[in-house]
Amino acid sequence: MNPWKVLGLAGLAGVAAAGVIITREQRQRTQLAPEEIRARLQERLERARTTPTWGTVSEMAAVGSRDRGCRQTHDDAR
């Protein structure tokens, strides 16, 4: 069998499988009650509040000032 045909059939199978997965997830979402959705969102919000992703504000300011200093030094070197 021609390798391009095999590749095309594999791609078609992948698209079909992705469609099945998306449809299944959508069906599960539509079956949730509004209270369940609200509870899940509140749980995710609480987890996001307790898990810092970027650090504190002072750490971010320190990184920003270091970056500005590097740019100025780089520009001065030209």
C-alpha atoms as a PDB file:
ATOM      1  CA  MET A   1       0.000   0.000   0.000  1.00  0.00           C
ATOM      2  CA  ASN A   2       1.209   3.490  -0.805  1.00  0.00           C
ATOM      3  CA  PRO A   3       2.757   5.242   2.247  1.00  0.00           C
ATOM      4  CA  TRP A   4       0.763   8.410   1.519  1.00  0.00           C
ATOM      5  CA  LYS A   5      -2.481   6.446   1.688  1.00  0.00           C
ATOM      6  CA  VAL A   6      -1.468   4.985   5.038  1.00  0.00           C
ATOM      7  CA  LEU A   7      -0.566   8.435   6.330  1.00  0.00           C
ATOM      8  CA  GLY A   8      -3.883   9.847   5.089  1.00  0.00           C
ATOM      9  CA  LEU A   9      -5.872   7.060   6.701  1.00  0.00           C
ATOM     10  CA  ALA A  10      -3.988   7.523   9.979  1.00  0.00           C
ATOM     11  CA  GLY A  11      -4.762  11.239   9.899  1.00  0.00           C
ATOM     12  CA  LEU A  12      -8.418  10.565   9.198  1.00  0.00           C
ATOM     13  CA  ALA A  13      -8.555   8.102  12.093  1.00  0.00           C
ATOM     14  CA  GLY A  14      -6.954  10.700  14.373  1.00  0.00           C
ATOM     15  CA  VAL A  15      -9.503  13.348  13.431  1.00  0.00           C
ATOM     16  CA  ALA A  16     -12.361  10.911  14.013  1.00  0.00           C
ATOM     17  CA  ALA A  17     -10.957   9.897  17.411  1.00  0.00           C
ATOM     18  CA  ALA A  18     -10.585  13.538  18.442  1.00  0.00           C
ATOM     19  CA  GLY A  19     -14.195  14.187  17.448  1.00  0.00           C
ATOM     20  CA  VAL A  20     -15.379  11.270  19.572  1.00  0.00           C
ATOM     21  CA  ILE A  21     -13.436  12.523  22.595  1.00  0.00           C
ATOM     22  CA  ILE A  22     -14.733  16.083  22.217  1.00  0.00           C
ATOM     23  CA  THR A  23     -18.311  14.872  21.859  1.00  0.00           C
ATOM     24  CA  ARG A  24     -18.030  12.688  24.960  1.00  0.00           C
ATOM     25  CA  GLU A  25     -16.606  15.550  27.050  1.00  0.00           C
ATOM     26  CA  GLN A  26     -19.311  17.920  25.837  1.00  0.00           C
ATOM     27  CA  ARG A  27     -22.005  15.413  26.750  1.00  0.00           C
ATOM     28  CA  GLN A  28     -20.560  15.057  30.256  1.00  0.00           C
ATOM     29  CA  ARG A  29     -20.492  18.847  30.689  1.00  0.00           C
ATOM     30  CA  THR A  30     -24.110  19.286  29.647  1.00  0.00           C
ATOM     31  CA  GLN A  31     -25.233  16.644  32.142  1.00  0.00           C
ATOM     32  CA  LEU A  32     -23.878  18.586  35.125  1.00  0.00           C
ATOM     33  CA  ALA A  33     -26.303  20.499  37.298  1.00  0.00           C
ATOM     34  CA  PRO A  34     -25.622  24.210  37.834  1.00  0.00           C
ATOM     35  CA  GLU A  35     -24.823  23.526  41.502  1.00  0.00           C
ATOM     36  CA  GLU A  36     -22.153  20.999  40.501  1.00  0.00           C
ATOM     37  CA  ILE A  37     -20.576  23.439  38.064  1.00  0.00           C
ATOM     38  CA  ARG A  38     -20.569  26.189  40.704  1.00  0.00           C
ATOM     39  CA  ALA A  39     -18.981  23.861  43.269  1.00  0.00           C
ATOM     40  CA  ARG A  40     -16.255  22.809  40.820  1.00  0.00           C
ATOM     41  CA  LEU A  41     -15.481  26.406  39.883  1.00  0.00           C
ATOM     42  CA  GLN A  42     -15.293  27.456  43.530  1.00  0.00           C
ATOM     43  CA  GLU A  43     -12.965  24.526  44.249  1.00  0.00           C
ATOM     44  CA  ARG A  44     -10.681  25.525  41.354  1.00  0.00           C
ATOM     45  CA  LEU A  45     -10.695  29.151  42.527  1.00  0.00           C
ATOM     46  CA  GLU A  46      -9.722  28.098  46.044  1.00  0.00           C
ATOM     47  CA  ARG A  47      -6.879  25.937  44.698  1.00  0.00           C
ATOM     48  CA  ALA A  48      -5.665  28.843  42.561  1.00  0.00           C
ATOM     49  CA  ARG A  49      -5.629  31.148  45.577  1.00  0.00           C
ATOM     50  CA  THR A  50      -3.554  28.744  47.659  1.00  0.00           C
ATOM     51  CA  THR A  51      -1.065  27.831  44.914  1.00  0.00           C
ATOM     52  CA  PRO A  52       1.066  30.779  43.798  1.00  0.00           C
ATOM     53  CA  THR A  53       2.214  30.461  40.212  1.00  0.00           C
ATOM     54  CA  TRP A  54       4.411  33.543  39.807  1.00  0.00           C
ATOM     55  CA  GLY A  55       5.620  34.339  43.295  1.00  0.00           C
ATOM     56  CA  THR A  56       5.021  37.427  45.379  1.00  0.00           C
ATOM     57  CA  VAL A  57       4.658  40.950  44.075  1.00  0.00           C
ATOM     58  CA  SER A  58       8.032  41.977  45.507  1.00  0.00           C
ATOM     59  CA  GLU A  59       9.733  39.038  43.742  1.00  0.00           C
ATOM     60  CA  MET A  60       8.141  40.039  40.447  1.00  0.00           C
ATOM     61  CA  ALA A  61       9.267  43.662  40.933  1.00  0.00           C
ATOM     62  CA  ALA A  62      12.824  42.508  41.617  1.00  0.00           C
ATOM     63  CA  VAL A  63      12.862  40.435  38.440  1.00  0.00           C
ATOM     64  CA  GLY A  64      11.473  43.353  36.442  1.00  0.00           C
ATOM     65  CA  SER A  65      14.133  45.743  37.710  1.00  0.00           C
ATOM     66  CA  ARG A  66      16.866  43.247  36.879  1.00  0.00           C
ATOM     67  CA  ASP A  67      15.517  42.927  33.335  1.00  0.00           C
ATOM     68  CA  ARG A  68      15.454  46.695  32.849  1.00  0.00           C
ATOM     69  CA  GLY A  69      19.024  46.913  34.047  1.00  0.00           C
ATOM     70  CA  CYS A  70      20.118  44.257  31.579  1.00  0.00           C
ATOM     71  CA  ARG A  71      18.472  46.071  28.687  1.00  0.00           C
ATOM     72  CA  GLN A  72      20.098  49.366  29.607  1.00  0.00           C
ATOM     73  CA  THR A  73      23.497  47.730  29.885  1.00  0.00           C
ATOM     74  CA  HIS A  74      22.965  45.990  26.558  1.00  0.00           C
ATOM     75  CA  ASP A  75      21.940  49.247  24.872  1.00  0.00           C
ATOM     76  CA  ASP A  76      24.950  51.065  26.333  1.00  0.00           C
ATOM     77  CA  ALA A  77      27.289  48.402  24.957  1.00  0.00           C
ATOM     78  CA  ARG A  78      26.291  49.226  21.364  1.00  0.00           C
END
